[in-house]
Amino acid sequence: MDELKGRGAKTWRKSMILPEHQDAINAWYASQEDVNKPILTSDRVAEINQAIQLLHYKQSLVKISYYHERRIVDVSGRIYQVDSLQQHIVLSKDTFEKVCISLRSITDIIEV
């Protein structure tokens, strides 16, 4: 009996919530981190495209921020391939892993 007294409400918190309610609470907490896709001006899109071409030519290490599944994701590596027809780039990470990113989802690119 002394064990329960020492922990108070913590003992009963999880056991008093239905699993369906717990799933709804977890989904609500996860949705609080959602962001809307940023709207880029045509000038900013042109700057990003120019930076992609220059950094691909220089084979510099870059950090790309892009919109994916209601989040802004940052990834670093070297631009391996630019496919204008398919509208995507392939980034080669330091672990030799390749990441395919849609040109339309890129929100920022900087040289590291």
PDB file of N, CA and C in Angstrom:
ATOM      1  N   MET A   1       0.815  -1.189   0.000  1.00  0.00           N
ATOM      2  CA  MET A   1       0.000   0.000   0.000  1.00  0.00           C
ATOM      3  C   MET A   1       0.858   1.252   0.000  1.00  0.00           C
ATOM      4  N   ASP A   2       2.026   1.202   0.633  1.00  0.00           N
ATOM      5  CA  ASP A   2       2.902   2.364   0.666  1.00  0.00           C
ATOM      6  C   ASP A   2       3.460   2.695  -0.715  1.00  0.00           C
ATOM      7  N   GLU A   3       3.590   1.672  -1.593  1.00  0.00           N
ATOM      8  CA  GLU A   3       4.092   1.910  -2.949  1.00  0.00           C
ATOM      9  C   GLU A   3       3.153   2.820  -3.725  1.00  0.00           C
ATOM     10  N   LEU A   4       1.858   2.581  -3.620  1.00  0.00           N
ATOM     11  CA  LEU A   4       0.885   3.388  -4.350  1.00  0.00           C
ATOM     12  C   LEU A   4       0.816   4.812  -3.824  1.00  0.00           C
ATOM     13  N   LYS A   5       0.969   4.967  -2.545  1.00  0.00           N
ATOM     14  CA  LYS A   5       0.869   6.287  -1.931  1.00  0.00           C
ATOM     15  C   LYS A   5       2.013   7.192  -2.397  1.00  0.00           C
ATOM     16  N   GLY A   6       3.192   6.647  -2.572  1.00  0.00           N
ATOM     17  CA  GLY A   6       4.353   7.434  -2.964  1.00  0.00           C
ATOM     18  C   GLY A   6       4.284   7.952  -4.392  1.00  0.00           C
ATOM     19  N   ARG A   7       3.605   7.244  -5.286  1.00  0.00           N
ATOM     20  CA  ARG A   7       3.574   7.642  -6.687  1.00  0.00           C
ATOM     21  C   ARG A   7       2.329   8.448  -7.042  1.00  0.00           C
ATOM     22  N   GLY A   8       1.327   8.411  -6.249  1.00  0.00           N
ATOM     23  CA  GLY A   8       0.132   9.226  -6.439  1.00  0.00           C
ATOM     24  C   GLY A   8      -0.552   8.996  -7.774  1.00  0.00           C
ATOM     25  N   ALA A   9      -0.855  10.073  -8.500  1.00  0.00           N
ATOM     26  CA  ALA A   9      -1.626  10.013  -9.743  1.00  0.00           C
ATOM     27  C   ALA A   9      -0.873   9.312 -10.866  1.00  0.00           C
ATOM     28  N   LYS A  10       0.441   9.273 -10.804  1.00  0.00           N
ATOM     29  CA  LYS A  10       1.226   8.637 -11.858  1.00  0.00           C
ATOM     30  C   LYS A  10       0.864   7.154 -11.998  1.00  0.00           C
ATOM     31  N   THR A  11       0.489   6.519 -10.911  1.00  0.00           N
ATOM     32  CA  THR A  11       0.147   5.106 -10.928  1.00  0.00           C
ATOM     33  C   THR A  11      -1.085   4.851 -11.778  1.00  0.00           C
ATOM     34  N   TRP A  12      -2.059   5.760 -11.759  1.00  0.00           N
ATOM     35  CA  TRP A  12      -3.342   5.519 -12.389  1.00  0.00           C
ATOM     36  C   TRP A  12      -3.486   6.201 -13.742  1.00  0.00           C
ATOM     37  N   ARG A  13      -2.638   7.103 -14.106  1.00  0.00           N
ATOM     38  CA  ARG A  13      -2.815   7.918 -15.307  1.00  0.00           C
ATOM     39  C   ARG A  13      -3.003   7.090 -16.573  1.00  0.00           C
ATOM     40  N   LYS A  14      -2.113   6.183 -16.874  1.00  0.00           N
ATOM     41  CA  LYS A  14      -2.189   5.418 -18.120  1.00  0.00           C
ATOM     42  C   LYS A  14      -3.277   4.352 -18.092  1.00  0.00           C
ATOM     43  N   SER A  15      -3.555   3.809 -16.929  1.00  0.00           N
ATOM     44  CA  SER A  15      -4.537   2.730 -16.874  1.00  0.00           C
ATOM     45  C   SER A  15      -5.970   3.242 -16.977  1.00  0.00           C
ATOM     46  N   MET A  16      -6.196   4.522 -16.792  1.00  0.00           N
ATOM     47  CA  MET A  16      -7.550   5.067 -16.828  1.00  0.00           C
ATOM     48  C   MET A  16      -7.931   5.623 -18.208  1.00  0.00           C
ATOM     49  N   ILE A  17      -7.024   5.575 -19.176  1.00  0.00           N
ATOM     50  CA  ILE A  17      -7.295   6.092 -20.520  1.00  0.00           C
ATOM     51  C   ILE A  17      -7.503   4.922 -21.466  1.00  0.00           C
ATOM     52  N   LEU A  18      -8.575   4.984 -22.245  1.00  0.00           N
ATOM     53  CA  LEU A  18      -8.825   3.952 -23.247  1.00  0.00           C
ATOM     54  C   LEU A  18      -7.757   4.011 -24.333  1.00  0.00           C
ATOM     55  N   PRO A  19      -7.403   2.882 -24.928  1.00  0.00           N
ATOM     56  CA  PRO A  19      -6.383   2.879 -25.984  1.00  0.00           C
ATOM     57  C   PRO A  19      -6.746   3.801 -27.154  1.00  0.00           C
ATOM     58  N   GLU A  20      -8.043   3.875 -27.491  1.00  0.00           N
ATOM     59  CA  GLU A  20      -8.462   4.745 -28.589  1.00  0.00           C
ATOM     60  C   GLU A  20      -8.215   6.211 -28.248  1.00  0.00           C
ATOM     61  N   HIS A  21      -8.450   6.563 -26.996  1.00  0.00           N
ATOM     62  CA  HIS A  21      -8.211   7.931 -26.558  1.00  0.00           C
ATOM     63  C   HIS A  21      -6.722   8.244 -26.550  1.00  0.00           C
ATOM     64  N   GLN A  22      -5.923   7.282 -26.114  1.00  0.00           N
ATOM     65  CA  GLN A  22      -4.473   7.476 -26.103  1.00  0.00           C
ATOM     66  C   GLN A  22      -3.949   7.687 -27.519  1.00  0.00           C
ATOM     67  N   ASP A  23      -4.469   6.922 -28.499  1.00  0.00           N
ATOM     68  CA  ASP A  23      -4.072   7.099 -29.902  1.00  0.00           C
ATOM     69  C   ASP A  23      -4.451   8.484 -30.393  1.00  0.00           C
ATOM     70  N   ALA A  24      -5.637   8.959 -30.029  1.00  0.00           N
ATOM     71  CA  ALA A  24      -6.076  10.292 -30.447  1.00  0.00           C
ATOM     72  C   ALA A  24      -5.206  11.379 -29.828  1.00  0.00           C
ATOM     73  N   ILE A  25      -4.843  11.195 -28.576  1.00  0.00           N
ATOM     74  CA  ILE A  25      -3.970  12.173 -27.901  1.00  0.00           C
ATOM     75  C   ILE A  25      -2.599  12.188 -28.557  1.00  0.00           C
ATOM     76  N   ASN A  26      -2.049  11.013 -28.864  1.00  0.00           N
ATOM     77  CA  ASN A  26      -0.740  10.940 -29.535  1.00  0.00           C
ATOM     78  C   ASN A  26      -0.784  11.585 -30.913  1.00  0.00           C
ATOM     79  N   ALA A  27      -1.858  11.361 -31.667  1.00  0.00           N
ATOM     80  CA  ALA A  27      -2.001  11.972 -32.988  1.00  0.00           C
ATOM     81  C   ALA A  27      -2.106  13.487 -32.876  1.00  0.00           C
ATOM     82  N   TRP A  28      -2.808  13.963 -31.856  1.00  0.00           N
ATOM     83  CA  TRP A  28      -2.933  15.407 -31.665  1.00  0.00           C
ATOM     84  C   TRP A  28      -1.574  16.025 -31.359  1.00  0.00           C
ATOM     85  N   TYR A  29      -0.782  15.389 -30.471  1.00  0.00           N
ATOM     86  CA  TYR A  29       0.550  15.906 -30.171  1.00  0.00           C
ATOM     87  C   TYR A  29       1.436  15.914 -31.422  1.00  0.00           C
ATOM     88  N   ALA A  30       1.351  14.879 -32.233  1.00  0.00           N
ATOM     89  CA  ALA A  30       2.154  14.810 -33.460  1.00  0.00           C
ATOM     90  C   ALA A  30       1.733  15.890 -34.452  1.00  0.00           C
ATOM     91  N   SER A  31       0.441  16.188 -34.520  1.00  0.00           N
ATOM     92  CA  SER A  31      -0.033  17.189 -35.476  1.00  0.00           C
ATOM     93  C   SER A  31       0.355  18.605 -35.071  1.00  0.00           C
ATOM     94  N   GLN A  32       0.749  18.820 -33.847  1.00  0.00           N
ATOM     95  CA  GLN A  32       1.150  20.156 -33.406  1.00  0.00           C
ATOM     96  C   GLN A  32       2.451  20.599 -34.065  1.00  0.00           C
ATOM     97  N   GLU A  33       3.228  19.661 -34.581  1.00  0.00           N
ATOM     98  CA  GLU A  33       4.483  19.977 -35.249  1.00  0.00           C
ATOM     99  C   GLU A  33       4.315  20.159 -36.755  1.00  0.00           C
ATOM    100  N   ASP A  34       3.102  19.963 -37.279  1.00  0.00           N
ATOM    101  CA  ASP A  34       2.846  20.118 -38.709  1.00  0.00           C
ATOM    102  C   ASP A  34       3.029  21.566 -39.137  1.00  0.00           C
ATOM    103  N   VAL A  35       3.537  21.752 -40.354  1.00  0.00           N
ATOM    104  CA  VAL A  35       3.681  23.090 -40.928  1.00  0.00           C
ATOM    105  C   VAL A  35       3.067  23.090 -42.324  1.00  0.00           C
ATOM    106  N   ASN A  36       2.618  24.233 -42.744  1.00  0.00           N
ATOM    107  CA  ASN A  36       2.112  24.380 -44.103  1.00  0.00           C
ATOM    108  C   ASN A  36       3.276  24.597 -45.047  1.00  0.00           C
ATOM    109  N   LYS A  37       3.102  24.191 -46.292  1.00  0.00           N
ATOM    110  CA  LYS A  37       4.163  24.351 -47.279  1.00  0.00           C
ATOM    111  C   LYS A  37       4.396  25.840 -47.535  1.00  0.00           C
ATOM    112  N   PRO A  38       5.645  26.294 -47.422  1.00  0.00           N
ATOM    113  CA  PRO A  38       5.934  27.700 -47.677  1.00  0.00           C
ATOM    114  C   PRO A  38       5.674  28.052 -49.140  1.00  0.00           C
ATOM    115  N   ILE A  39       5.158  29.234 -49.366  1.00  0.00           N
ATOM    116  CA  ILE A  39       4.932  29.728 -50.729  1.00  0.00           C
ATOM    117  C   ILE A  39       6.115  30.614 -51.094  1.00  0.00           C
ATOM    118  N   LEU A  40       6.861  30.206 -52.114  1.00  0.00           N
ATOM    119  CA  LEU A  40       8.042  30.940 -52.539  1.00  0.00           C
ATOM    120  C   LEU A  40       7.699  31.896 -53.681  1.00  0.00           C
ATOM    121  N   THR A  41       8.316  33.050 -53.676  1.00  0.00           N
ATOM    122  CA  THR A  41       8.125  33.990 -54.773  1.00  0.00           C
ATOM    123  C   THR A  41       8.898  33.490 -55.991  1.00  0.00           C
ATOM    124  N   SER A  42       8.564  34.022 -57.143  1.00  0.00           N
ATOM    125  CA  SER A  42       9.268  33.600 -58.362  1.00  0.00           C
ATOM    126  C   SER A  42      10.741  33.994 -58.304  1.00  0.00           C
ATOM    127  N   ASP A  43      11.055  35.105 -57.654  1.00  0.00           N
ATOM    128  CA  ASP A  43      12.461  35.504 -57.496  1.00  0.00           C
ATOM    129  C   ASP A  43      13.212  34.497 -56.633  1.00  0.00           C
ATOM    130  N   ARG A  44      12.575  34.036 -55.556  1.00  0.00           N
ATOM    131  CA  ARG A  44      13.228  33.071 -54.664  1.00  0.00           C
ATOM    132  C   ARG A  44      13.422  31.724 -55.367  1.00  0.00           C
ATOM    133  N   VAL A  45      12.452  31.321 -56.170  1.00  0.00           N
ATOM    134  CA  VAL A  45      12.581  30.081 -56.944  1.00  0.00           C
ATOM    135  C   VAL A  45      13.753  30.192 -57.915  1.00  0.00           C
ATOM    136  N   ALA A  46      13.895  31.351 -58.564  1.00  0.00           N
ATOM    137  CA  ALA A  46      15.005  31.574 -59.497  1.00  0.00           C
ATOM    138  C   ALA A  46      16.347  31.529 -58.760  1.00  0.00           C
ATOM    139  N   GLU A  47      16.401  32.122 -57.556  1.00  0.00           N
ATOM    140  CA  GLU A  47      17.639  32.086 -56.763  1.00  0.00           C
ATOM    141  C   GLU A  47      18.007  30.647 -56.393  1.00  0.00           C
ATOM    142  N   ILE A  48      17.015  29.865 -55.989  1.00  0.00           N
ATOM    143  CA  ILE A  48      17.270  28.470 -55.619  1.00  0.00           C
ATOM    144  C   ILE A  48      17.756  27.680 -56.832  1.00  0.00           C
ATOM    145  N   ASN A  49      17.125  27.869 -57.985  1.00  0.00           N
ATOM    146  CA  ASN A  49      17.549  27.158 -59.199  1.00  0.00           C
ATOM    147  C   ASN A  49      18.973  27.535 -59.602  1.00  0.00           C
ATOM    148  N   GLN A  50      19.295  28.820 -59.498  1.00  0.00           N
ATOM    149  CA  GLN A  50      20.653  29.271 -59.835  1.00  0.00           C
ATOM    150  C   GLN A  50      21.672  28.680 -58.856  1.00  0.00           C
ATOM    151  N   ALA A  51      21.324  28.654 -57.571  1.00  0.00           N
ATOM    152  CA  ALA A  51      22.226  28.082 -56.568  1.00  0.00           C
ATOM    153  C   ALA A  51      22.431  26.589 -56.807  1.00  0.00           C
ATOM    154  N   ILE A  52      21.374  25.883 -57.191  1.00  0.00           N
ATOM    155  CA  ILE A  52      21.489  24.447 -57.476  1.00  0.00           C
ATOM    156  C   ILE A  52      22.463  24.220 -58.624  1.00  0.00           C
ATOM    157  N   GLN A  53      22.321  24.972 -59.688  1.00  0.00           N
ATOM    158  CA  GLN A  53      23.211  24.812 -60.849  1.00  0.00           C
ATOM    159  C   GLN A  53      24.662  25.112 -60.478  1.00  0.00           C
ATOM    160  N   LEU A  54      24.885  26.205 -59.746  1.00  0.00           N
ATOM    161  CA  LEU A  54      26.248  26.590 -59.368  1.00  0.00           C
ATOM    162  C   LEU A  54      26.872  25.575 -58.415  1.00  0.00           C
ATOM    163  N   LEU A  55      26.120  25.160 -57.404  1.00  0.00           N
ATOM    164  CA  LEU A  55      26.669  24.227 -56.421  1.00  0.00           C
ATOM    165  C   LEU A  55      26.854  22.829 -56.997  1.00  0.00           C
ATOM    166  N   HIS A  56      26.036  22.458 -57.982  1.00  0.00           N
ATOM    167  CA  HIS A  56      26.241  21.182 -58.671  1.00  0.00           C
ATOM    168  C   HIS A  56      27.534  21.235 -59.485  1.00  0.00           C
ATOM    169  N   TYR A  57      27.779  22.357 -60.147  1.00  0.00           N
ATOM    170  CA  TYR A  57      28.995  22.528 -60.937  1.00  0.00           C
ATOM    171  C   TYR A  57      30.238  22.496 -60.036  1.00  0.00           C
ATOM    172  N   LYS A  58      30.167  23.170 -58.887  1.00  0.00           N
ATOM    173  CA  LYS A  58      31.307  23.244 -57.966  1.00  0.00           C
ATOM    174  C   LYS A  58      31.479  21.971 -57.136  1.00  0.00           C
ATOM    175  N   GLN A  59      30.459  21.109 -57.103  1.00  0.00           N
ATOM    176  CA  GLN A  59      30.463  19.902 -56.262  1.00  0.00           C
ATOM    177  C   GLN A  59      30.721  20.245 -54.796  1.00  0.00           C
ATOM    178  N   SER A  60      30.121  21.330 -54.350  1.00  0.00           N
ATOM    179  CA  SER A  60      30.250  21.778 -52.961  1.00  0.00           C
ATOM    180  C   SER A  60      29.327  20.980 -52.059  1.00  0.00           C
ATOM    181  N   LEU A  61      29.675  20.973 -50.783  1.00  0.00           N
ATOM    182  CA  LEU A  61      28.808  20.391 -49.774  1.00  0.00           C
ATOM    183  C   LEU A  61      27.670  21.373 -49.520  1.00  0.00           C
ATOM    184  N   VAL A  62      26.427  20.895 -49.581  1.00  0.00           N
ATOM    185  CA  VAL A  62      25.262  21.769 -49.440  1.00  0.00           C
ATOM    186  C   VAL A  62      24.338  21.261 -48.345  1.00  0.00           C
ATOM    187  N   LYS A  63      23.528  22.176 -47.851  1.00  0.00           N
ATOM    188  CA  LYS A  63      22.448  21.830 -46.924  1.00  0.00           C
ATOM    189  C   LYS A  63      21.157  22.269 -47.590  1.00  0.00           C
ATOM    190  N   ILE A  64      20.258  21.319 -47.822  1.00  0.00           N
ATOM    191  CA  ILE A  64      18.989  21.588 -48.492  1.00  0.00           C
ATOM    192  C   ILE A  64      17.859  21.404 -47.493  1.00  0.00           C
ATOM    193  N   SER A  65      16.982  22.395 -47.445  1.00  0.00           N
ATOM    194  CA  SER A  65      15.756  22.289 -46.662  1.00  0.00           C
ATOM    195  C   SER A  65      14.617  22.076 -47.638  1.00  0.00           C
ATOM    196  N   TYR A  66      13.791  21.068 -47.368  1.00  0.00           N
ATOM    197  CA  TYR A  66      12.674  20.804 -48.266  1.00  0.00           C
ATOM    198  C   TYR A  66      11.448  20.353 -47.476  1.00  0.00           C
ATOM    199  N   TYR A  67      10.285  20.515 -48.102  1.00  0.00           N
ATOM    200  CA  TYR A  67       9.011  20.186 -47.482  1.00  0.00           C
ATOM    201  C   TYR A  67       8.651  18.745 -47.807  1.00  0.00           C
ATOM    202  N   HIS A  68       8.396  17.959 -46.743  1.00  0.00           N
ATOM    203  CA  HIS A  68       8.059  16.545 -46.939  1.00  0.00           C
ATOM    204  C   HIS A  68       7.123  16.098 -45.822  1.00  0.00           C
ATOM    205  N   GLU A  69       5.937  15.648 -46.196  1.00  0.00           N
ATOM    206  CA  GLU A  69       4.950  15.112 -45.259  1.00  0.00           C
ATOM    207  C   GLU A  69       4.687  16.053 -44.087  1.00  0.00           C
ATOM    208  N   ARG A  70       4.345  17.301 -44.406  1.00  0.00           N
ATOM    209  CA  ARG A  70       3.967  18.335 -43.443  1.00  0.00           C
ATOM    210  C   ARG A  70       5.090  18.720 -42.490  1.00  0.00           C
ATOM    211  N   ARG A  71       6.325  18.506 -42.911  1.00  0.00           N
ATOM    212  CA  ARG A  71       7.500  18.898 -42.128  1.00  0.00           C
ATOM    213  C   ARG A  71       8.538  19.540 -43.049  1.00  0.00           C
ATOM    214  N   ILE A  72       9.409  20.355 -42.475  1.00  0.00           N
ATOM    215  CA  ILE A  72      10.569  20.865 -43.194  1.00  0.00           C
ATOM    216  C   ILE A  72      11.746  19.982 -42.777  1.00  0.00           C
ATOM    217  N   VAL A  73      12.357  19.332 -43.759  1.00  0.00           N
ATOM    218  CA  VAL A  73      13.439  18.390 -43.519  1.00  0.00           C
ATOM    219  C   VAL A  73      14.737  19.004 -44.023  1.00  0.00           C
ATOM    220  N   ASP A  74      15.801  18.875 -43.245  1.00  0.00           N
ATOM    221  CA  ASP A  74      17.133  19.330 -43.647  1.00  0.00           C
ATOM    222  C   ASP A  74      17.996  18.124 -43.953  1.00  0.00           C
ATOM    223  N   VAL A  75      18.724  18.207 -45.058  1.00  0.00           N
ATOM    224  CA  VAL A  75      19.632  17.126 -45.441  1.00  0.00           C
ATOM    225  C   VAL A  75      20.893  17.750 -46.019  1.00  0.00           C
ATOM    226  N   SER A  76      22.033  17.149 -45.728  1.00  0.00           N
ATOM    227  CA  SER A  76      23.316  17.656 -46.217  1.00  0.00           C
ATOM    228  C   SER A  76      23.982  16.630 -47.118  1.00  0.00           C
ATOM    229  N   GLY A  77      24.746  17.111 -48.070  1.00  0.00           N
ATOM    230  CA  GLY A  77      25.472  16.242 -48.982  1.00  0.00           C
ATOM    231  C   GLY A  77      25.933  17.015 -50.202  1.00  0.00           C
ATOM    232  N   ARG A  78      26.268  16.286 -51.250  1.00  0.00           N
ATOM    233  CA  ARG A  78      26.679  16.906 -52.518  1.00  0.00           C
ATOM    234  C   ARG A  78      25.627  16.588 -53.577  1.00  0.00           C
ATOM    235  N   ILE A  79      25.379  17.560 -54.442  1.00  0.00           N
ATOM    236  CA  ILE A  79      24.404  17.344 -55.504  1.00  0.00           C
ATOM    237  C   ILE A  79      25.015  16.389 -56.512  1.00  0.00           C
ATOM    238  N   TYR A  80      24.419  15.223 -56.625  1.00  0.00           N
ATOM    239  CA  TYR A  80      24.922  14.163 -57.493  1.00  0.00           C
ATOM    240  C   TYR A  80      24.376  14.307 -58.913  1.00  0.00           C
ATOM    241  N   GLN A  81      23.094  14.664 -59.016  1.00  0.00           N
ATOM    242  CA  GLN A  81      22.454  14.746 -60.326  1.00  0.00           C
ATOM    243  C   GLN A  81      21.304  15.749 -60.268  1.00  0.00           C
ATOM    244  N   VAL A  82      21.146  16.514 -61.349  1.00  0.00           N
ATOM    245  CA  VAL A  82      20.001  17.410 -61.501  1.00  0.00           C
ATOM    246  C   VAL A  82      19.241  16.943 -62.738  1.00  0.00           C
ATOM    247  N   ASP A  83      17.983  16.567 -62.551  1.00  0.00           N
ATOM    248  CA  ASP A  83      17.153  16.098 -63.658  1.00  0.00           C
ATOM    249  C   ASP A  83      16.052  17.130 -63.901  1.00  0.00           C
ATOM    250  N   SER A  84      16.266  18.001 -64.886  1.00  0.00           N
ATOM    251  CA  SER A  84      15.304  19.058 -65.190  1.00  0.00           C
ATOM    252  C   SER A  84      14.015  18.494 -65.768  1.00  0.00           C
ATOM    253  N   LEU A  85      14.107  17.406 -66.499  1.00  0.00           N
ATOM    254  CA  LEU A  85      12.931  16.815 -67.117  1.00  0.00           C
ATOM    255  C   LEU A  85      11.992  16.213 -66.060  1.00  0.00           C
ATOM    256  N   GLN A  86      12.554  15.472 -65.129  1.00  0.00           N
ATOM    257  CA  GLN A  86      11.761  14.846 -64.063  1.00  0.00           C
ATOM    258  C   GLN A  86      11.526  15.787 -62.885  1.00  0.00           C
ATOM    259  N   GLN A  87      12.171  16.958 -62.891  1.00  0.00           N
ATOM    260  CA  GLN A  87      12.016  17.964 -61.842  1.00  0.00           C
ATOM    261  C   GLN A  87      12.440  17.456 -60.460  1.00  0.00           C
ATOM    262  N   HIS A  88      13.635  16.846 -60.397  1.00  0.00           N
ATOM    263  CA  HIS A  88      14.169  16.437 -59.108  1.00  0.00           C
ATOM    264  C   HIS A  88      15.694  16.468 -59.138  1.00  0.00           C
ATOM    265  N   ILE A  89      16.276  16.469 -57.953  1.00  0.00           N
ATOM    266  CA  ILE A  89      17.725  16.361 -57.831  1.00  0.00           C
ATOM    267  C   ILE A  89      18.029  15.144 -56.970  1.00  0.00           C
ATOM    268  N   VAL A  90      19.221  14.617 -57.155  1.00  0.00           N
ATOM    269  CA  VAL A  90      19.695  13.495 -56.343  1.00  0.00           C
ATOM    270  C   VAL A  90      20.873  14.009 -55.543  1.00  0.00           C
ATOM    271  N   LEU A  91      20.769  13.855 -54.240  1.00  0.00           N
ATOM    272  CA  LEU A  91      21.799  14.321 -53.324  1.00  0.00           C
ATOM    273  C   LEU A  91      22.545  13.120 -52.787  1.00  0.00           C
ATOM    274  N   SER A  92      23.868  13.158 -52.831  1.00  0.00           N
ATOM    275  CA  SER A  92      24.695  12.080 -52.302  1.00  0.00           C
ATOM    276  C   SER A  92      25.178  12.486 -50.915  1.00  0.00           C
ATOM    277  N   LYS A  93      24.745  11.728 -49.899  1.00  0.00           N
ATOM    278  CA  LYS A  93      25.138  12.034 -48.527  1.00  0.00           C
ATOM    279  C   LYS A  93      26.512  11.454 -48.233  1.00  0.00           C
ATOM    280  N   ASP A  94      27.085  11.844 -47.105  1.00  0.00           N
ATOM    281  CA  ASP A  94      28.411  11.367 -46.707  1.00  0.00           C
ATOM    282  C   ASP A  94      28.449   9.860 -46.499  1.00  0.00           C
ATOM    283  N   THR A  95      27.312   9.258 -46.221  1.00  0.00           N
ATOM    284  CA  THR A  95      27.242   7.814 -46.001  1.00  0.00           C
ATOM    285  C   THR A  95      27.029   7.063 -47.313  1.00  0.00           C
ATOM    286  N   PHE A  96      27.223   7.731 -48.430  1.00  0.00           N
ATOM    287  CA  PHE A  96      27.036   7.185 -49.773  1.00  0.00           C
ATOM    288  C   PHE A  96      25.587   6.822 -50.058  1.00  0.00           C
ATOM    289  N   GLU A  97      24.702   7.314 -49.237  1.00  0.00           N
ATOM    290  CA  GLU A  97      23.271   7.137 -49.447  1.00  0.00           C
ATOM    291  C   GLU A  97      22.812   8.250 -50.379  1.00  0.00           C
ATOM    292  N   LYS A  98      21.915   7.931 -51.299  1.00  0.00           N
ATOM    293  CA  LYS A  98      21.403   8.933 -52.233  1.00  0.00           C
ATOM    294  C   LYS A  98      19.963   9.271 -51.868  1.00  0.00           C
ATOM    295  N   VAL A  99      19.645  10.578 -51.910  1.00  0.00           N
ATOM    296  CA  VAL A  99      18.320  11.067 -51.575  1.00  0.00           C
ATOM    297  C   VAL A  99      17.770  11.807 -52.784  1.00  0.00           C
ATOM    298  N   CYS A 100      16.575  11.445 -53.209  1.00  0.00           N
ATOM    299  CA  CYS A 100      15.918  12.094 -54.336  1.00  0.00           C
ATOM    300  C   CYS A 100      14.953  13.149 -53.780  1.00  0.00           C
ATOM    301  N   ILE A 101      15.098  14.391 -54.252  1.00  0.00           N
ATOM    302  CA  ILE A 101      14.290  15.500 -53.748  1.00  0.00           C
ATOM    303  C   ILE A 101      13.638  16.205 -54.933  1.00  0.00           C
ATOM    304  N   SER A 102      12.339  16.430 -54.828  1.00  0.00           N
ATOM    305  CA  SER A 102      11.615  17.169 -55.861  1.00  0.00           C
ATOM    306  C   SER A 102      12.052  18.629 -55.837  1.00  0.00           C
ATOM    307  N   LEU A 103      12.268  19.205 -57.016  1.00  0.00           N
ATOM    308  CA  LEU A 103      12.666  20.610 -57.086  1.00  0.00           C
ATOM    309  C   LEU A 103      11.585  21.521 -56.528  1.00  0.00           C
ATOM    310  N   ARG A 104      10.333  21.123 -56.660  1.00  0.00           N
ATOM    311  CA  ARG A 104       9.218  21.946 -56.172  1.00  0.00           C
ATOM    312  C   ARG A 104       9.114  21.959 -54.652  1.00  0.00           C
ATOM    313  N   SER A 105       9.713  20.998 -53.986  1.00  0.00           N
ATOM    314  CA  SER A 105       9.606  20.935 -52.532  1.00  0.00           C
ATOM    315  C   SER A 105      10.759  21.644 -51.820  1.00  0.00           C
ATOM    316  N   ILE A 106      11.793  22.064 -52.547  1.00  0.00           N
ATOM    317  CA  ILE A 106      12.950  22.712 -51.931  1.00  0.00           C
ATOM    318  C   ILE A 106      12.562  24.113 -51.465  1.00  0.00           C
ATOM    319  N   THR A 107      12.862  24.406 -50.203  1.00  0.00           N
ATOM    320  CA  THR A 107      12.564  25.726 -49.649  1.00  0.00           C
ATOM    321  C   THR A 107      13.817  26.566 -49.448  1.00  0.00           C
ATOM    322  N   ASP A 108      14.982  25.922 -49.316  1.00  0.00           N
ATOM    323  CA  ASP A 108      16.222  26.669 -49.122  1.00  0.00           C
ATOM    324  C   ASP A 108      17.406  25.774 -49.455  1.00  0.00           C
ATOM    325  N   ILE A 109      18.489  26.401 -49.903  1.00  0.00           N
ATOM    326  CA  ILE A 109      19.729  25.684 -50.171  1.00  0.00           C
ATOM    327  C   ILE A 109      20.879  26.611 -49.832  1.00  0.00           C
ATOM    328  N   ILE A 110      21.835  26.084 -49.067  1.00  0.00           N
ATOM    329  CA  ILE A 110      23.011  26.874 -48.716  1.00  0.00           C
ATOM    330  C   ILE A 110      24.266  26.013 -48.876  1.00  0.00           C
ATOM    331  N   GLU A 111      25.370  26.679 -49.145  1.00  0.00           N
ATOM    332  CA  GLU A 111      26.658  25.996 -49.240  1.00  0.00           C
ATOM    333  C   GLU A 111      27.231  25.886 -47.835  1.00  0.00           C
ATOM    334  N   VAL A 112      27.683  24.688 -47.498  1.00  0.00           N
ATOM    335  CA  VAL A 112      28.229  24.458 -46.156  1.00  0.00           C
ATOM    336  C   VAL A 112      29.729  24.585 -46.185  1.00  0.00           C
TER     337      VAL A 112
END
